[in-house]
Full PDB file with SEQRES, HELIX, SHEET, SSBOND, CRYST1, ORIGX, SCALE, CONECT and MASTER records, all heavy atoms in Angstrom:
SEQRES   1 A   38  LEU ALA LYS LEU ALA GLN GLN VAL GLY LEU SER GLU ILE          
SEQRES   2 A   38  ARG LEU THR ARG GLY PHE ARG GLN ASN PHE ASN THR THR          
SEQRES   3 A   38  VAL PHE ASN TYR LEU HIS ASP GLN ARG MET GLU ARG              
HELIX    1 AA1 ALA A    2  VAL A    8  1                                   7    
HELIX    2 AA2 GLU A   12  PHE A   23  1                                  12    
HELIX    3 AA3 VAL A   27  GLU A   37  1                                  11    
CRYST1    1.000    1.000    1.000  90.00  90.00  90.00 P 1           1          
ORIGX1      1.000000  0.000000  0.000000        0.00000                         
ORIGX2      0.000000  1.000000  0.000000        0.00000                         
ORIGX3      0.000000  0.000000  1.000000        0.00000                         
SCALE1      1.000000  0.000000  0.000000        0.00000                         
SCALE2      0.000000  1.000000  0.000000        0.00000                         
SCALE3      0.000000  0.000000  1.000000        0.00000                         
ATOM      1  N   LEU A   1       0.832  -1.198   0.000  1.00  0.00           N  
ATOM      2  CA  LEU A   1       0.000   0.000   0.000  1.00  0.00           C  
ATOM      3  C   LEU A   1       0.869   1.253   0.000  1.00  0.00           C  
ATOM      4  O   LEU A   1       0.582   2.229  -0.704  1.00  0.00           O  
ATOM      5  CB  LEU A   1      -0.929  -0.018   1.218  1.00  0.00           C  
ATOM      6  CG  LEU A   1      -2.163   0.873   1.151  1.00  0.00           C  
ATOM      7  CD1 LEU A   1      -3.085   0.430   0.030  1.00  0.00           C  
ATOM      8  CD2 LEU A   1      -2.907   0.857   2.469  1.00  0.00           C  
ATOM      9  N   ALA A   2       1.949   1.228   0.784  1.00  0.00           N  
ATOM     10  CA  ALA A   2       2.846   2.386   0.842  1.00  0.00           C  
ATOM     11  C   ALA A   2       3.488   2.646  -0.512  1.00  0.00           C  
ATOM     12  O   ALA A   2       3.578   3.793  -0.969  1.00  0.00           O  
ATOM     13  CB  ALA A   2       3.907   2.154   1.914  1.00  0.00           C  
ATOM     14  N   LYS A   3       3.944   1.584  -1.167  1.00  0.00           N  
ATOM     15  CA  LYS A   3       4.584   1.728  -2.476  1.00  0.00           C  
ATOM     16  C   LYS A   3       3.589   2.196  -3.524  1.00  0.00           C  
ATOM     17  O   LYS A   3       3.910   3.049  -4.371  1.00  0.00           O  
ATOM     18  CB  LYS A   3       5.205   0.388  -2.882  1.00  0.00           C  
ATOM     19  CG  LYS A   3       6.010   0.442  -4.182  1.00  0.00           C  
ATOM     20  CD  LYS A   3       7.255   1.290  -4.025  1.00  0.00           C  
ATOM     21  CE  LYS A   3       8.108   1.237  -5.277  1.00  0.00           C  
ATOM     22  NZ  LYS A   3       9.301   2.112  -5.165  1.00  0.00           N  
ATOM     23  N   LEU A   4       2.401   1.651  -3.484  1.00  0.00           N  
ATOM     24  CA  LEU A   4       1.373   2.041  -4.442  1.00  0.00           C  
ATOM     25  C   LEU A   4       1.041   3.524  -4.296  1.00  0.00           C  
ATOM     26  O   LEU A   4       0.929   4.248  -5.292  1.00  0.00           O  
ATOM     27  CB  LEU A   4       0.120   1.190  -4.242  1.00  0.00           C  
ATOM     28  CG  LEU A   4      -1.045   1.441  -5.205  1.00  0.00           C  
ATOM     29  CD1 LEU A   4      -0.636   1.156  -6.647  1.00  0.00           C  
ATOM     30  CD2 LEU A   4      -2.252   0.583  -4.810  1.00  0.00           C  
ATOM     31  N   ALA A   5       0.868   3.977  -3.055  1.00  0.00           N  
ATOM     32  CA  ALA A   5       0.575   5.391  -2.814  1.00  0.00           C  
ATOM     33  C   ALA A   5       1.703   6.271  -3.339  1.00  0.00           C  
ATOM     34  O   ALA A   5       1.467   7.319  -3.959  1.00  0.00           O  
ATOM     35  CB  ALA A   5       0.353   5.626  -1.324  1.00  0.00           C  
ATOM     36  N   GLN A   6       2.935   5.836  -3.103  1.00  0.00           N  
ATOM     37  CA  GLN A   6       4.094   6.597  -3.571  1.00  0.00           C  
ATOM     38  C   GLN A   6       4.134   6.664  -5.091  1.00  0.00           C  
ATOM     39  O   GLN A   6       4.435   7.710  -5.678  1.00  0.00           O  
ATOM     40  CB  GLN A   6       5.376   5.957  -3.028  1.00  0.00           C  
ATOM     41  CG  GLN A   6       6.655   6.695  -3.398  1.00  0.00           C  
ATOM     42  CD  GLN A   6       7.886   5.976  -2.886  1.00  0.00           C  
ATOM     43  OE1 GLN A   6       7.891   4.754  -2.724  1.00  0.00           O  
ATOM     44  NE2 GLN A   6       8.931   6.724  -2.616  1.00  0.00           N  
ATOM     45  N   GLN A   7       3.804   5.566  -5.742  1.00  0.00           N  
ATOM     46  CA  GLN A   7       3.855   5.512  -7.205  1.00  0.00           C  
ATOM     47  C   GLN A   7       2.885   6.487  -7.862  1.00  0.00           C  
ATOM     48  O   GLN A   7       3.170   7.028  -8.936  1.00  0.00           O  
ATOM     49  CB  GLN A   7       3.586   4.086  -7.691  1.00  0.00           C  
ATOM     50  CG  GLN A   7       4.754   3.134  -7.474  1.00  0.00           C  
ATOM     51  CD  GLN A   7       4.416   1.724  -7.940  1.00  0.00           C  
ATOM     52  OE1 GLN A   7       3.321   1.236  -7.729  1.00  0.00           O  
ATOM     53  NE2 GLN A   7       5.366   1.075  -8.581  1.00  0.00           N  
ATOM     54  N   VAL A   8       1.742   6.714  -7.233  1.00  0.00           N  
ATOM     55  CA  VAL A   8       0.741   7.594  -7.849  1.00  0.00           C  
ATOM     56  C   VAL A   8       0.709   8.984  -7.211  1.00  0.00           C  
ATOM     57  O   VAL A   8      -0.098   9.830  -7.605  1.00  0.00           O  
ATOM     58  CB  VAL A   8      -0.670   6.960  -7.789  1.00  0.00           C  
ATOM     59  CG1 VAL A   8      -0.702   5.666  -8.562  1.00  0.00           C  
ATOM     60  CG2 VAL A   8      -1.134   6.747  -6.349  1.00  0.00           C  
ATOM     61  N   GLY A   9       1.579   9.230  -6.228  1.00  0.00           N  
ATOM     62  CA  GLY A   9       1.690  10.563  -5.651  1.00  0.00           C  
ATOM     63  C   GLY A   9       0.590  10.946  -4.692  1.00  0.00           C  
ATOM     64  O   GLY A   9       0.214  12.125  -4.592  1.00  0.00           O  
ATOM     65  N   LEU A  10       0.046   9.954  -3.949  1.00  0.00           N  
ATOM     66  CA  LEU A  10      -0.964  10.220  -2.927  1.00  0.00           C  
ATOM     67  C   LEU A  10      -0.479   9.722  -1.582  1.00  0.00           C  
ATOM     68  O   LEU A  10       0.369   8.823  -1.514  1.00  0.00           O  
ATOM     69  CB  LEU A  10      -2.282   9.513  -3.264  1.00  0.00           C  
ATOM     70  CG  LEU A  10      -3.141  10.089  -4.394  1.00  0.00           C  
ATOM     71  CD1 LEU A  10      -4.306   9.152  -4.680  1.00  0.00           C  
ATOM     72  CD2 LEU A  10      -3.655  11.479  -4.038  1.00  0.00           C  
ATOM     73  N   SER A  11      -1.009  10.280  -0.504  1.00  0.00           N  
ATOM     74  CA  SER A  11      -0.764   9.688   0.803  1.00  0.00           C  
ATOM     75  C   SER A  11      -1.570   8.400   0.918  1.00  0.00           C  
ATOM     76  O   SER A  11      -2.542   8.191   0.179  1.00  0.00           O  
ATOM     77  CB  SER A  11      -1.178  10.657   1.919  1.00  0.00           C  
ATOM     78  OG  SER A  11      -2.587  10.786   1.962  1.00  0.00           O  
ATOM     79  N   GLU A  12      -1.186   7.537   1.824  1.00  0.00           N  
ATOM     80  CA  GLU A  12      -1.883   6.253   1.976  1.00  0.00           C  
ATOM     81  C   GLU A  12      -3.328   6.439   2.415  1.00  0.00           C  
ATOM     82  O   GLU A  12      -4.225   5.715   1.974  1.00  0.00           O  
ATOM     83  CB  GLU A  12      -1.123   5.365   2.963  1.00  0.00           C  
ATOM     84  CG  GLU A  12       0.231   4.942   2.441  1.00  0.00           C  
ATOM     85  CD  GLU A  12       1.038   4.226   3.505  1.00  0.00           C  
ATOM     86  OE1 GLU A  12       0.558   3.204   4.019  1.00  0.00           O  
ATOM     87  OE2 GLU A  12       2.141   4.699   3.816  1.00  0.00           O  
ATOM     88  N   ILE A  13      -3.553   7.411   3.288  1.00  0.00           N  
ATOM     89  CA  ILE A  13      -4.917   7.641   3.762  1.00  0.00           C  
ATOM     90  C   ILE A  13      -5.793   8.145   2.620  1.00  0.00           C  
ATOM     91  O   ILE A  13      -6.934   7.716   2.449  1.00  0.00           O  
ATOM     92  CB  ILE A  13      -4.914   8.630   4.945  1.00  0.00           C  
ATOM     93  CG1 ILE A  13      -4.378   7.924   6.204  1.00  0.00           C  
ATOM     94  CG2 ILE A  13      -6.313   9.178   5.205  1.00  0.00           C  
ATOM     95  CD1 ILE A  13      -4.314   8.794   7.431  1.00  0.00           C  
ATOM     96  N   ARG A  14      -5.259   9.044   1.784  1.00  0.00           N  
ATOM     97  CA  ARG A  14      -6.053   9.548   0.661  1.00  0.00           C  
ATOM     98  C   ARG A  14      -6.266   8.467  -0.400  1.00  0.00           C  
ATOM     99  O   ARG A  14      -7.313   8.416  -1.049  1.00  0.00           O  
ATOM    100  CB  ARG A  14      -5.381  10.788   0.064  1.00  0.00           C  
ATOM    101  CG  ARG A  14      -5.520  12.008   0.971  1.00  0.00           C  
ATOM    102  CD  ARG A  14      -4.791  13.210   0.420  1.00  0.00           C  
ATOM    103  NE  ARG A  14      -5.451  13.789  -0.734  1.00  0.00           N  
ATOM    104  CZ  ARG A  14      -6.554  14.538  -0.690  1.00  0.00           C  
ATOM    105  NH1 ARG A  14      -7.162  14.757   0.473  1.00  0.00           N  
ATOM    106  NH2 ARG A  14      -7.060  15.059  -1.777  1.00  0.00           N  
ATOM    107  N   LEU A  15      -5.285   7.586  -0.555  1.00  0.00           N  
ATOM    108  CA  LEU A  15      -5.460   6.468  -1.468  1.00  0.00           C  
ATOM    109  C   LEU A  15      -6.566   5.537  -0.974  1.00  0.00           C  
ATOM    110  O   LEU A  15      -7.451   5.127  -1.738  1.00  0.00           O  
ATOM    111  CB  LEU A  15      -4.147   5.697  -1.616  1.00  0.00           C  
ATOM    112  CG  LEU A  15      -4.197   4.432  -2.490  1.00  0.00           C  
ATOM    113  CD1 LEU A  15      -4.531   4.785  -3.934  1.00  0.00           C  
ATOM    114  CD2 LEU A  15      -2.876   3.674  -2.408  1.00  0.00           C  
ATOM    115  N   THR A  16      -6.528   5.206   0.305  1.00  0.00           N  
ATOM    116  CA  THR A  16      -7.547   4.333   0.898  1.00  0.00           C  
ATOM    117  C   THR A  16      -8.925   4.969   0.784  1.00  0.00           C  
ATOM    118  O   THR A  16      -9.913   4.327   0.400  1.00  0.00           O  
ATOM    119  CB  THR A  16      -7.212   4.060   2.373  1.00  0.00           C  
ATOM    120  OG1 THR A  16      -5.932   3.434   2.464  1.00  0.00           O  
ATOM    121  CG2 THR A  16      -8.253   3.167   3.018  1.00  0.00           C  
ATOM    122  N   ARG A  17      -9.000   6.255   1.108  1.00  0.00           N  
ATOM    123  CA  ARG A  17     -10.274   6.975   1.035  1.00  0.00           C  
ATOM    124  C   ARG A  17     -10.779   7.049  -0.405  1.00  0.00           C  
ATOM    125  O   ARG A  17     -11.972   6.889  -0.682  1.00  0.00           O  
ATOM    126  CB  ARG A  17     -10.085   8.383   1.604  1.00  0.00           C  
ATOM    127  CG  ARG A  17     -11.354   9.210   1.709  1.00  0.00           C  
ATOM    128  CD  ARG A  17     -11.020  10.589   2.237  1.00  0.00           C  
ATOM    129  NE  ARG A  17     -10.456  10.516   3.572  1.00  0.00           N  
ATOM    130  CZ  ARG A  17      -9.726  11.483   4.118  1.00  0.00           C  
ATOM    131  NH1 ARG A  17      -9.441  12.570   3.433  1.00  0.00           N  
ATOM    132  NH2 ARG A  17      -9.269  11.355   5.348  1.00  0.00           N  
ATOM    133  N   GLY A  18      -9.850   7.264  -1.341  1.00  0.00           N  
ATOM    134  CA  GLY A  18     -10.233   7.384  -2.747  1.00  0.00           C  
ATOM    135  C   GLY A  18     -10.809   6.099  -3.309  1.00  0.00           C  
ATOM    136  O   GLY A  18     -11.755   6.123  -4.108  1.00  0.00           O  
ATOM    137  N   PHE A  19     -10.248   4.940  -2.904  1.00  0.00           N  
ATOM    138  CA  PHE A  19     -10.802   3.660  -3.357  1.00  0.00           C  
ATOM    139  C   PHE A  19     -12.209   3.471  -2.806  1.00  0.00           C  
ATOM    140  O   PHE A  19     -13.101   2.969  -3.496  1.00  0.00           O  
ATOM    141  CB  PHE A  19      -9.892   2.510  -2.932  1.00  0.00           C  
ATOM    142  CG  PHE A  19      -9.011   2.011  -4.042  1.00  0.00           C  
ATOM    143  CD1 PHE A  19      -7.893   2.741  -4.426  1.00  0.00           C  
ATOM    144  CD2 PHE A  19      -9.297   0.841  -4.714  1.00  0.00           C  
ATOM    145  CE1 PHE A  19      -7.078   2.303  -5.459  1.00  0.00           C  
ATOM    146  CE2 PHE A  19      -8.501   0.394  -5.758  1.00  0.00           C  
ATOM    147  CZ  PHE A  19      -7.381   1.124  -6.128  1.00  0.00           C  
ATOM    148  N   ARG A  20     -12.401   3.882  -1.565  1.00  0.00           N  
ATOM    149  CA  ARG A  20     -13.728   3.755  -0.965  1.00  0.00           C  
ATOM    150  C   ARG A  20     -14.732   4.625  -1.717  1.00  0.00           C  
ATOM    151  O   ARG A  20     -15.869   4.204  -1.990  1.00  0.00           O  
ATOM    152  CB  ARG A  20     -13.663   4.157   0.507  1.00  0.00           C  
ATOM    153  CG  ARG A  20     -15.013   4.197   1.222  1.00  0.00           C  
ATOM    154  CD  ARG A  20     -15.651   2.847   1.322  1.00  0.00           C  
ATOM    155  NE  ARG A  20     -14.976   1.978   2.262  1.00  0.00           N  
ATOM    156  CZ  ARG A  20     -15.338   0.732   2.498  1.00  0.00           C  
ATOM    157  NH1 ARG A  20     -16.358   0.202   1.830  1.00  0.00           N  
ATOM    158  NH2 ARG A  20     -14.683  -0.019   3.358  1.00  0.00           N  
ATOM    159  N   GLN A  21     -14.338   5.833  -2.083  1.00  0.00           N  
ATOM    160  CA  GLN A  21     -15.249   6.752  -2.766  1.00  0.00           C  
ATOM    161  C   GLN A  21     -15.535   6.326  -4.202  1.00  0.00           C  
ATOM    162  O   GLN A  21     -16.684   6.390  -4.663  1.00  0.00           O  
ATOM    163  CB  GLN A  21     -14.652   8.166  -2.773  1.00  0.00           C  
ATOM    164  CG  GLN A  21     -14.652   8.848  -1.425  1.00  0.00           C  
ATOM    165  CD  GLN A  21     -13.894  10.158  -1.439  1.00  0.00           C  
ATOM    166  OE1 GLN A  21     -13.400  10.601  -0.435  1.00  0.00           O  
ATOM    167  NE2 GLN A  21     -13.802  10.791  -2.591  1.00  0.00           N  
ATOM    168  N   ASN A  22     -14.505   5.882  -4.933  1.00  0.00           N  
ATOM    169  CA  ASN A  22     -14.663   5.615  -6.357  1.00  0.00           C  
ATOM    170  C   ASN A  22     -15.078   4.186  -6.670  1.00  0.00           C  
ATOM    171  O   ASN A  22     -15.734   3.938  -7.679  1.00  0.00           O  
ATOM    172  CB  ASN A  22     -13.363   5.944  -7.092  1.00  0.00           C  
ATOM    173  CG  ASN A  22     -13.116   7.431  -7.197  1.00  0.00           C  
ATOM    174  OD1 ASN A  22     -13.618   8.091  -8.095  1.00  0.00           O  
ATOM    175  ND2 ASN A  22     -12.357   7.980  -6.261  1.00  0.00           N  
ATOM    176  N   PHE A  23     -14.689   3.231  -5.805  1.00  0.00           N  
ATOM    177  CA  PHE A  23     -14.995   1.822  -6.088  1.00  0.00           C  
ATOM    178  C   PHE A  23     -15.819   1.168  -4.982  1.00  0.00           C  
ATOM    179  O   PHE A  23     -16.099  -0.025  -5.039  1.00  0.00           O  
ATOM    180  CB  PHE A  23     -13.697   1.039  -6.301  1.00  0.00           C  
ATOM    181  CG  PHE A  23     -12.806   1.632  -7.366  1.00  0.00           C  
ATOM    182  CD1 PHE A  23     -11.523   2.061  -7.054  1.00  0.00           C  
ATOM    183  CD2 PHE A  23     -13.257   1.778  -8.664  1.00  0.00           C  
ATOM    184  CE1 PHE A  23     -10.704   2.623  -8.018  1.00  0.00           C  
ATOM    185  CE2 PHE A  23     -12.449   2.331  -9.644  1.00  0.00           C  
ATOM    186  CZ  PHE A  23     -11.165   2.758  -9.325  1.00  0.00           C  
ATOM    187  N   ASN A  24     -16.156   1.963  -3.956  1.00  0.00           N  
ATOM    188  CA  ASN A  24     -16.998   1.490  -2.854  1.00  0.00           C  
ATOM    189  C   ASN A  24     -16.401   0.285  -2.147  1.00  0.00           C  
ATOM    190  O   ASN A  24     -17.117  -0.616  -1.695  1.00  0.00           O  
ATOM    191  CB  ASN A  24     -18.416   1.160  -3.346  1.00  0.00           C  
ATOM    192  CG  ASN A  24     -19.420   1.087  -2.208  1.00  0.00           C  
ATOM    193  OD1 ASN A  24     -19.292   1.812  -1.217  1.00  0.00           O  
ATOM    194  ND2 ASN A  24     -20.399   0.221  -2.314  1.00  0.00           N  
ATOM    195  N   THR A  25     -15.069   0.252  -2.055  1.00  0.00           N  
ATOM    196  CA  THR A  25     -14.400  -0.850  -1.365  1.00  0.00           C  
ATOM    197  C   THR A  25     -12.981  -0.424  -1.027  1.00  0.00           C  
ATOM    198  O   THR A  25     -12.543   0.664  -1.418  1.00  0.00           O  
ATOM    199  CB  THR A  25     -14.395  -2.125  -2.240  1.00  0.00           C  
ATOM    200  OG1 THR A  25     -13.913  -3.226  -1.473  1.00  0.00           O  
ATOM    201  CG2 THR A  25     -13.507  -1.947  -3.473  1.00  0.00           C  
ATOM    202  N   THR A  26     -12.263  -1.281  -0.305  1.00  0.00           N  
ATOM    203  CA  THR A  26     -10.876  -0.981   0.040  1.00  0.00           C  
ATOM    204  C   THR A  26      -9.945  -1.416  -1.089  1.00  0.00           C  
ATOM    205  O   THR A  26     -10.342  -2.153  -1.995  1.00  0.00           O  
ATOM    206  CB  THR A  26     -10.470  -1.711   1.325  1.00  0.00           C  
ATOM    207  OG1 THR A  26     -10.500  -3.130   1.081  1.00  0.00           O  
ATOM    208  CG2 THR A  26     -11.402  -1.382   2.478  1.00  0.00           C  
ATOM    209  N   VAL A  27      -8.688  -0.975  -0.991  1.00  0.00           N  
ATOM    210  CA  VAL A  27      -7.692  -1.364  -1.988  1.00  0.00           C  
ATOM    211  C   VAL A  27      -7.557  -2.878  -2.023  1.00  0.00           C  
ATOM    212  O   VAL A  27      -7.577  -3.500  -3.096  1.00  0.00           O  
ATOM    213  CB  VAL A  27      -6.327  -0.711  -1.676  1.00  0.00           C  
ATOM    214  CG1 VAL A  27      -5.265  -1.174  -2.668  1.00  0.00           C  
ATOM    215  CG2 VAL A  27      -6.447   0.811  -1.694  1.00  0.00           C  
ATOM    216  N   PHE A  28      -7.423  -3.490  -0.855  1.00  0.00           N  
ATOM    217  CA  PHE A  28      -7.244  -4.941  -0.819  1.00  0.00           C  
ATOM    218  C   PHE A  28      -8.463  -5.673  -1.365  1.00  0.00           C  
ATOM    219  O   PHE A  28      -8.336  -6.602  -2.155  1.00  0.00           O  
ATOM    220  CB  PHE A  28      -6.966  -5.416   0.606  1.00  0.00           C  
ATOM    221  CG  PHE A  28      -6.849  -6.914   0.690  1.00  0.00           C  
ATOM    222  CD1 PHE A  28      -5.638  -7.545   0.486  1.00  0.00           C  
ATOM    223  CD2 PHE A  28      -7.958  -7.709   0.942  1.00  0.00           C  
ATOM    224  CE1 PHE A  28      -5.530  -8.921   0.525  1.00  0.00           C  
ATOM    225  CE2 PHE A  28      -7.863  -9.095   0.992  1.00  0.00           C  
ATOM    226  CZ  PHE A  28      -6.635  -9.696   0.785  1.00  0.00           C  
ATOM    227  N   ASN A  29      -9.652  -5.267  -0.936  1.00  0.00           N  
ATOM    228  CA  ASN A  29     -10.851  -5.970  -1.399  1.00  0.00           C  
ATOM    229  C   ASN A  29     -11.036  -5.833  -2.905  1.00  0.00           C  
ATOM    230  O   ASN A  29     -11.506  -6.760  -3.577  1.00  0.00           O  
ATOM    231  CB  ASN A  29     -12.089  -5.445  -0.668  1.00  0.00           C  
ATOM    232  CG  ASN A  29     -12.187  -5.979   0.740  1.00  0.00           C  
ATOM    233  OD1 ASN A  29     -11.524  -6.941   1.095  1.00  0.00           O  
ATOM    234  ND2 ASN A  29     -12.992  -5.335   1.567  1.00  0.00           N  
ATOM    235  N   TYR A  30     -10.672  -4.674  -3.445  1.00  0.00           N  
ATOM    236  CA  TYR A  30     -10.749  -4.496  -4.896  1.00  0.00           C  
ATOM    237  C   TYR A  30      -9.815  -5.483  -5.596  1.00  0.00           C  
ATOM    238  O   TYR A  30     -10.202  -6.162  -6.548  1.00  0.00           O  
ATOM    239  CB  TYR A  30     -10.390  -3.065  -5.277  1.00  0.00           C  
ATOM    240  CG  TYR A  30     -10.573  -2.777  -6.755  1.00  0.00           C  
ATOM    241  CD1 TYR A  30     -11.791  -2.310  -7.230  1.00  0.00           C  
ATOM    242  CD2 TYR A  30      -9.545  -3.005  -7.664  1.00  0.00           C  
ATOM    243  CE1 TYR A  30     -11.985  -2.066  -8.583  1.00  0.00           C  
ATOM    244  CE2 TYR A  30      -9.730  -2.769  -9.022  1.00  0.00           C  
ATOM    245  CZ  TYR A  30     -10.952  -2.304  -9.473  1.00  0.00           C  
ATOM    246  OH  TYR A  30     -11.132  -2.085 -10.819  1.00  0.00           O  
ATOM    247  N   LEU A  31      -8.575  -5.557  -5.104  1.00  0.00           N  
ATOM    248  CA  LEU A  31      -7.613  -6.485  -5.693  1.00  0.00           C  
ATOM    249  C   LEU A  31      -8.097  -7.931  -5.566  1.00  0.00           C  
ATOM    250  O   LEU A  31      -8.021  -8.714  -6.519  1.00  0.00           O  
ATOM    251  CB  LEU A  31      -6.254  -6.331  -5.001  1.00  0.00           C  
ATOM    252  CG  LEU A  31      -5.155  -7.328  -5.392  1.00  0.00           C  
ATOM    253  CD1 LEU A  31      -4.825  -7.205  -6.871  1.00  0.00           C  
ATOM    254  CD2 LEU A  31      -3.909  -7.111  -4.540  1.00  0.00           C  
ATOM    255  N   HIS A  32      -8.612  -8.271  -4.392  1.00  0.00           N  
ATOM    256  CA  HIS A  32      -9.102  -9.636  -4.164  1.00  0.00           C  
ATOM    257  C   HIS A  32     -10.232  -9.985  -5.131  1.00  0.00           C  
ATOM    258  O   HIS A  32     -10.225 -11.065  -5.742  1.00  0.00           O  
ATOM    259  CB  HIS A  32      -9.579  -9.766  -2.725  1.00  0.00           C  
ATOM    260  CG  HIS A  32     -10.220 -11.089  -2.421  1.00  0.00           C  
ATOM    261  ND1 HIS A  32      -9.511 -12.264  -2.336  1.00  0.00           N  
ATOM    262  CD2 HIS A  32     -11.525 -11.424  -2.207  1.00  0.00           C  
ATOM    263  CE1 HIS A  32     -10.332 -13.260  -2.080  1.00  0.00           C  
ATOM    264  NE2 HIS A  32     -11.563 -12.780  -1.998  1.00  0.00           N  
ATOM    265  N   ASP A  33     -11.201  -9.080  -5.288  1.00  0.00           N  
ATOM    266  CA  ASP A  33     -12.328  -9.347  -6.186  1.00  0.00           C  
ATOM    267  C   ASP A  33     -11.852  -9.507  -7.626  1.00  0.00           C  
ATOM    268  O   ASP A  33     -12.345 -10.391  -8.357  1.00  0.00           O  
ATOM    269  CB  ASP A  33     -13.344  -8.209  -6.097  1.00  0.00           C  
ATOM    270  CG  ASP A  33     -14.137  -8.241  -4.801  1.00  0.00           C  
ATOM    271  OD1 ASP A  33     -14.106  -9.290  -4.120  1.00  0.00           O  
ATOM    272  OD2 ASP A  33     -14.766  -7.225  -4.457  1.00  0.00           O  
ATOM    273  N   GLN A  34     -10.907  -8.665  -8.041  1.00  0.00           N  
ATOM    274  CA  GLN A  34     -10.406  -8.759  -9.404  1.00  0.00           C  
ATOM    275  C   GLN A  34      -9.619 -10.050  -9.628  1.00  0.00           C  
ATOM    276  O   GLN A  34      -9.665 -10.642 -10.716  1.00  0.00           O  
ATOM    277  CB  GLN A  34      -9.535  -7.534  -9.726  1.00  0.00           C  
ATOM    278  CG  GLN A  34     -10.305  -6.226  -9.763  1.00  0.00           C  
ATOM    279  CD  GLN A  34     -11.434  -6.249 -10.785  1.00  0.00           C  
ATOM    280  OE1 GLN A  34     -11.247  -6.663 -11.924  1.00  0.00           O  
ATOM    281  NE2 GLN A  34     -12.613  -5.803 -10.364  1.00  0.00           N  
ATOM    282  N   ARG A  35      -8.893 -10.491  -8.612  1.00  0.00           N  
ATOM    283  CA  ARG A  35      -8.188 -11.774  -8.715  1.00  0.00           C  
ATOM    284  C   ARG A  35      -9.178 -12.913  -8.924  1.00  0.00           C  
ATOM    285  O   ARG A  35      -8.958 -13.813  -9.738  1.00  0.00           O  
ATOM    286  CB  ARG A  35      -7.368 -12.021  -7.439  1.00  0.00           C  
ATOM    287  CG  ARG A  35      -6.036 -11.300  -7.388  1.00  0.00           C  
ATOM    288  CD  ARG A  35      -5.389 -11.486  -6.034  1.00  0.00           C  
ATOM    289  NE  ARG A  35      -3.965 -11.207  -6.072  1.00  0.00           N  
ATOM    290  CZ  ARG A  35      -3.181 -11.188  -4.999  1.00  0.00           C  
ATOM    291  NH1 ARG A  35      -3.698 -11.428  -3.806  1.00  0.00           N  
ATOM    292  NH2 ARG A  35      -1.893 -10.937  -5.119  1.00  0.00           N  
ATOM    293  N   MET A  36     -10.278 -12.885  -8.171  1.00  0.00           N  
ATOM    294  CA  MET A  36     -11.255 -13.953  -8.288  1.00  0.00           C  
ATOM    295  C   MET A  36     -11.955 -13.919  -9.646  1.00  0.00           C  
ATOM    296  O   MET A  36     -12.219 -14.964 -10.253  1.00  0.00           O  
ATOM    297  CB  MET A  36     -12.297 -13.842  -7.162  1.00  0.00           C  
ATOM    298  CG  MET A  36     -11.730 -14.098  -5.755  1.00  0.00           C  
ATOM    299  SD  MET A  36     -11.037 -15.774  -5.552  1.00  0.00           S  
ATOM    300  CE  MET A  36      -9.280 -15.444  -5.713  1.00  0.00           C  
ATOM    301  N   GLU A  37     -12.248 -12.712 -10.137  1.00  0.00           N  
ATOM    302  CA  GLU A  37     -12.868 -12.603 -11.460  1.00  0.00           C  
ATOM    303  C   GLU A  37     -11.913 -13.117 -12.533  1.00  0.00           C  
ATOM    304  O   GLU A  37     -12.328 -13.804 -13.482  1.00  0.00           O  
ATOM    305  CB  GLU A  37     -13.250 -11.146 -11.742  1.00  0.00           C  
ATOM    306  CG  GLU A  37     -14.361 -10.602 -10.861  1.00  0.00           C  
ATOM    307  CD  GLU A  37     -15.676 -11.347 -11.048  1.00  0.00           C  
ATOM    308  OE1 GLU A  37     -15.896 -11.914 -12.148  1.00  0.00           O  
ATOM    309  OE2 GLU A  37     -16.487 -11.359 -10.111  1.00  0.00           O  
ATOM    310  N   ARG A  38     -10.628 -12.775 -12.403  1.00  0.00           N  
ATOM    311  CA  ARG A  38      -9.636 -13.255 -13.359  1.00  0.00           C  
ATOM    312  C   ARG A  38      -9.513 -14.776 -13.300  1.00  0.00           C  
ATOM    313  O   ARG A  38      -9.401 -15.456 -14.333  1.00  0.00           O  
ATOM    314  CB  ARG A  38      -8.282 -12.610 -13.046  1.00  0.00           C  
ATOM    315  CG  ARG A  38      -7.123 -13.076 -13.933  1.00  0.00           C  
ATOM    316  CD  ARG A  38      -7.365 -12.784 -15.378  1.00  0.00           C  
ATOM    317  NE  ARG A  38      -6.218 -13.140 -16.198  1.00  0.00           N  
ATOM    318  CZ  ARG A  38      -6.273 -13.352 -17.498  1.00  0.00           C  
ATOM    319  NH1 ARG A  38      -7.420 -13.230 -18.144  1.00  0.00           N  
ATOM    320  NH2 ARG A  38      -5.186 -13.678 -18.171  1.00  0.00           N  
TER     321      ARG A  38                                                      
MASTER        0    0    0    3    0    0    0    6  320    1    0    3          
END                                                                             
């Protein structure tokens, strides 16, 4: 999560909040769901 936030130029809290706002889930849950769909 720290590396991902750094790569896109956001703080970790804003990254976490942004996933909740835009995808209605956490970063991990989004990744998990996409893994299962794949």
